[in-house]
Protein backbone atom coordinates (compact mmCIF):
# COMPACT_ATOMS: atom_id res chain seq x y z
CA UNK A 1 -13.65 -15.65 14.67
CA UNK A 2 -10.76 -17.89 13.69
CA UNK A 3 -12.75 -19.39 10.82
CA UNK A 4 -13.85 -15.98 9.52
CA UNK A 5 -10.35 -14.55 9.54
CA UNK A 6 -8.81 -17.67 8.02
CA UNK A 7 -11.43 -17.55 5.27
CA UNK A 8 -10.79 -13.84 4.74
CA UNK A 9 -7.08 -14.51 4.29
CA UNK A 10 -7.87 -17.29 1.78
CA UNK A 11 -10.20 -14.98 -0.12
CA UNK A 12 -7.71 -12.14 -0.20
CA UNK A 13 -4.96 -14.51 -1.34
CA UNK A 14 -6.66 -14.79 -4.74
CA UNK A 15 -5.71 -11.16 -5.39
CA UNK A 16 -2.23 -11.05 -3.84
CA UNK A 17 0.63 -11.90 -6.24
CA UNK A 18 2.73 -13.35 -3.40
CA UNK A 19 0.00 -15.71 -2.16
CA UNK A 20 -1.90 -18.60 -3.69
CA UNK A 21 -5.65 -18.66 -3.26
CA UNK A 22 -6.12 -22.08 -4.81
CA UNK A 23 -6.25 -25.38 -2.99
CA UNK A 24 -8.04 -26.49 0.12
CA UNK A 25 -8.29 -24.07 2.99
CA UNK A 26 -9.90 -25.96 5.86
CA UNK A 27 -13.37 -25.00 4.76
CA UNK A 28 -12.36 -21.54 3.60
CA UNK A 29 -11.28 -22.27 0.04
CA UNK A 30 -12.69 -20.61 -3.06
CA UNK A 31 -12.98 -21.88 -6.61
CA UNK A 32 -11.87 -18.61 -8.19
CA UNK A 33 -11.20 -14.93 -7.60
CA UNK A 34 -14.79 -13.98 -8.45
CA UNK A 35 -16.25 -16.12 -5.66
CA UNK A 36 -13.53 -14.99 -3.26
CA UNK A 37 -14.30 -11.32 -3.93
CA UNK A 38 -18.02 -11.89 -3.59
CA UNK A 39 -17.46 -13.50 -0.18
CA UNK A 40 -15.30 -10.60 1.02
CA UNK A 41 -18.02 -8.11 0.11
CA UNK A 42 -21.02 -10.08 1.35
CA UNK A 43 -19.45 -11.16 4.65
CA UNK A 44 -17.80 -7.88 5.67
CA UNK A 45 -20.46 -7.41 8.35
CA UNK A 46 -19.05 -10.54 10.02
CA UNK A 47 -15.30 -10.54 9.35
CA UNK A 48 -14.78 -6.85 10.14
CA UNK A 49 -16.04 -7.22 13.76
CA UNK A 50 -13.98 -10.43 13.99
CA UNK A 51 -10.89 -8.53 12.87
CA UNK A 52 -11.44 -5.80 15.45
CA UNK A 53 -12.02 -8.38 18.17
CA UNK A 54 -8.84 -10.27 17.25
CA UNK A 55 -6.86 -7.04 17.52
CA UNK A 56 -8.42 -6.24 20.89
CA UNK A 57 -7.57 -9.73 22.17
CA UNK A 58 -3.93 -9.44 21.16
CA UNK A 59 -3.98 -11.90 18.24
CA UNK A 60 -1.35 -9.81 16.54
CA UNK A 61 0.11 -12.35 14.11
CA UNK A 62 -3.38 -13.17 12.82
CA UNK A 63 -4.31 -9.52 12.38
CA UNK A 64 -1.11 -8.72 10.51
CA UNK A 65 -1.29 -11.79 8.27
CA UNK A 66 -4.93 -11.30 7.36
CA UNK A 67 -4.48 -7.60 6.65
CA UNK A 68 -1.45 -8.41 4.51
CA UNK A 69 -3.69 -10.53 2.27
CA UNK A 70 -6.07 -7.68 1.40
CA UNK A 71 -4.12 -4.72 -0.10
CA UNK A 72 -4.66 -5.68 -3.73
CA UNK A 73 -8.33 -6.38 -3.16
CA UNK A 74 -8.75 -3.07 -1.33
CA UNK A 75 -7.98 -1.34 -4.64
CA UNK A 76 -10.99 -3.11 -6.13
CA UNK A 77 -13.39 -2.21 -3.33
CA UNK A 78 -12.45 1.29 -2.23
CA UNK A 79 -16.11 2.08 -1.56
CA UNK A 80 -16.13 -0.18 1.51
CA UNK A 81 -14.91 2.86 3.44
CA UNK A 82 -13.06 1.17 6.31
CA UNK A 83 -9.67 0.42 4.82
CA UNK A 84 -7.92 3.13 6.79
CA UNK A 85 -9.08 1.60 10.08
CA UNK A 86 -8.49 -1.94 8.79
CA UNK A 87 -4.82 -1.35 8.01
CA UNK A 88 -4.37 0.78 11.14
CA UNK A 89 -5.24 -2.33 13.17
CA UNK A 90 -2.39 -4.14 11.45
CA UNK A 91 0.00 -1.27 12.19
CA UNK A 92 -0.86 -1.48 15.88
CA UNK A 93 -0.51 -5.28 15.91
CA UNK A 94 2.82 -5.19 14.05
CA UNK A 95 4.07 -2.59 16.51
CA UNK A 96 2.95 -4.69 19.46
CA UNK A 97 4.70 -7.72 17.98
CA UNK A 98 7.90 -5.76 17.33
CA UNK A 99 7.75 -6.43 13.58
CA UNK A 100 9.11 -3.24 12.03
CA UNK A 101 8.94 -4.52 8.47
CA UNK A 102 5.21 -5.21 8.78
CA UNK A 103 4.74 -1.96 10.65
CA UNK A 104 6.29 -0.06 7.75
CA UNK A 105 4.28 -2.12 5.26
CA UNK A 106 0.95 -1.37 6.86
CA UNK A 107 1.80 2.26 7.53
CA UNK A 108 2.14 2.51 3.75
CA UNK A 109 -1.30 0.94 3.33
CA UNK A 110 -2.72 3.45 5.80
CA UNK A 111 -1.10 6.26 3.81
CA UNK A 112 -2.76 4.87 0.67
CA UNK A 113 -6.15 4.84 2.43
CA UNK A 114 -5.66 8.40 3.69
CA UNK A 115 -5.17 9.49 0.09
CA UNK A 116 -7.79 7.37 -1.68
CA UNK A 117 -10.44 6.85 0.97
CA UNK A 118 -10.13 9.90 3.21
CA UNK A 119 -8.61 12.54 0.94
CA UNK A 120 -6.40 13.71 3.81
CA UNK A 121 -3.15 14.34 1.96
CA UNK A 122 -1.38 16.07 4.84
CA UNK A 123 -1.94 13.12 7.17
CA UNK A 124 -1.04 10.70 4.36
CA UNK A 125 2.27 12.53 3.97
CA UNK A 126 2.97 12.31 7.69
CA UNK A 127 2.18 8.58 7.80
CA UNK A 128 4.21 7.80 4.67
CA UNK A 129 7.19 9.61 6.17
CA UNK A 130 6.86 7.46 9.28
CA UNK A 131 6.75 4.36 7.05
CA UNK A 132 9.89 5.54 5.28
CA UNK A 133 11.72 6.03 8.58
CA UNK A 134 10.81 2.49 9.64
CA UNK A 135 11.79 1.02 6.27
CA UNK A 136 15.17 2.74 6.31
CA UNK A 137 15.80 1.51 9.86
CA UNK A 138 15.29 -2.13 8.84
CA UNK A 139 16.88 -1.78 5.39
CA UNK A 140 13.74 -2.69 3.44
CA UNK A 141 14.16 -1.17 -0.04
CA UNK A 142 10.67 -2.18 -1.17
CA UNK A 143 8.83 -0.46 1.68
CA UNK A 144 11.22 2.49 1.44
CA UNK A 145 10.19 2.76 -2.22
CA UNK A 146 6.48 2.50 -1.46
CA UNK A 147 6.81 5.16 1.23
CA UNK A 148 8.43 7.52 -1.28
CA UNK A 149 5.68 6.67 -3.75
CA UNK A 150 2.97 7.74 -1.30
CA UNK A 151 5.00 10.77 -0.22
CA UNK A 152 5.19 11.82 -3.88
CA UNK A 153 1.47 11.22 -4.37
CA UNK A 154 0.54 13.24 -1.28
CA UNK A 155 2.91 16.09 -2.14
CA UNK A 156 1.53 16.21 -5.67
CA UNK A 157 -1.99 16.52 -4.27
CA UNK A 158 -0.79 19.22 -1.86
CA UNK A 159 0.76 21.14 -4.75
CA UNK A 160 4.41 20.70 -3.76
CA UNK A 161 5.57 19.53 -7.18
CA UNK A 162 9.29 19.95 -6.58
CA UNK A 163 9.24 17.74 -3.48
CA UNK A 164 6.92 15.29 -5.21
CA UNK A 165 9.37 14.96 -8.09
CA UNK A 166 12.23 14.14 -5.74
CA UNK A 167 10.21 11.50 -3.88
CA UNK A 168 8.90 9.94 -7.10
CA UNK A 169 12.40 9.69 -8.59
CA UNK A 170 13.62 8.07 -5.37
CA UNK A 171 10.73 5.60 -5.55
CA UNK A 172 11.58 4.67 -9.13
CA UNK A 173 15.23 4.08 -8.23
CA UNK A 174 14.40 2.03 -5.14
CA UNK A 175 11.88 -0.14 -6.97
CA UNK A 176 14.57 -0.79 -9.59
CA UNK A 177 16.93 -1.80 -6.78
CA UNK A 178 14.27 -4.09 -5.31
CA UNK A 179 13.58 -5.65 -8.72
CA UNK A 180 9.86 -4.81 -8.64
CA UNK A 181 8.99 -3.87 -12.21
CA UNK A 182 5.25 -3.46 -11.70
CA UNK A 183 5.68 -1.13 -8.73
CA UNK A 184 8.37 0.80 -10.60
CA UNK A 185 5.92 1.34 -13.46
CA UNK A 186 3.45 2.87 -10.98
CA UNK A 187 6.15 5.20 -9.66
CA UNK A 188 7.07 6.23 -13.21
CA UNK A 189 3.43 7.17 -13.84
CA UNK A 190 3.38 9.38 -10.73
CA UNK A 191 6.65 11.00 -11.79
CA UNK A 192 5.26 11.65 -15.27
CA UNK A 193 2.09 13.19 -13.79
CA UNK A 194 4.14 15.46 -11.53
CA UNK A 195 6.33 16.61 -14.42
CA UNK A 196 3.25 17.21 -16.59
CA UNK A 197 1.56 19.15 -13.79
CA UNK A 198 4.57 21.45 -13.56
CA UNK A 199 3.69 22.99 -16.93
CA UNK A 200 5.80 23.54 -20.05
CA UNK A 201 9.56 22.90 -19.82
CA UNK A 202 10.44 26.58 -19.45
CA UNK A 203 8.12 26.80 -16.42
CA UNK A 204 9.04 23.48 -14.88
CA UNK A 205 12.53 24.42 -13.79
CA UNK A 206 14.10 21.60 -11.82
CA UNK A 207 11.30 19.18 -12.64
CA UNK A 208 12.32 18.79 -16.28
CA UNK A 209 13.51 15.27 -17.02
CA UNK A 210 17.22 15.04 -17.75
CA UNK A 211 19.28 12.03 -18.79
CA UNK A 212 21.48 12.15 -15.71
CA UNK A 213 18.43 11.45 -13.56
CA UNK A 214 18.29 7.91 -14.97
CA UNK A 215 15.78 6.28 -17.28
CA UNK A 216 12.64 7.00 -15.22
CA UNK A 217 10.52 8.09 -18.16
CA UNK A 218 11.73 5.59 -20.74
CA UNK A 219 8.72 4.09 -22.47
CA UNK A 220 6.19 6.43 -20.85
C-alpha cells in the first residue's frame, strides 16, 4: 500500500505545478509525464483500493498528500468516474487531522467533481460554500478564490446569473490578491461566460461590465 501510494504521488507530481515529478522516487519514479499518466490509468485498480484502505486505517497525512498531487491530472482523466469519492477521502482525512487549509482545498476539489463528474450543481454549490467558509476562517485567499470560482460555476449552471457574476468577480479579485495569474484567467473566463449568458447589455442589467468593477475583462 505504501509503495502504491508513494508511486501515485510521484506520478501525479508530473502534472502539479507546485511539485516536481523528476528525480528518483524510491522505485516510484517516472521518466516523463506520459509514462506517469499511463501508470495512473493502468494501475487504478490497485492504487484506488490502497487509497481507501489508507483512509480507513487513519493514514491521514498520506491520504491528503497523495490526493493533493492529483487535481491537475484529474482534469485529464475525468472519465475515471471516482474523483468525487477520491477527493472526499482527503476532505475526511484533513478534517480528522485538523488541517483546515487542506480541508478547504479538497472541498473545492469535491465541488469541481460534483460539477464535472456528477453534474450535481446544487450539491456543488453547497460544498463550495463550505470550502469558502473554511478558507475565510483560516485566511487563505487562494482557496477563498477557488471556492468563489466553483460557486460562480455552479450558480451559472443553475441559472442564477446575478449571483454567479458576483462570485466570479470576487474570485477574480482574490486570485489577483493571491498573485495567481493562471487561476485568475480561469475566473475571468467564467465571468465572461456569465455576462454573455445574460444576453444583450440592455437585458443584462447589473451584469454589464463597468470600469469601477476593476479590470476583470481586460484582454478577454
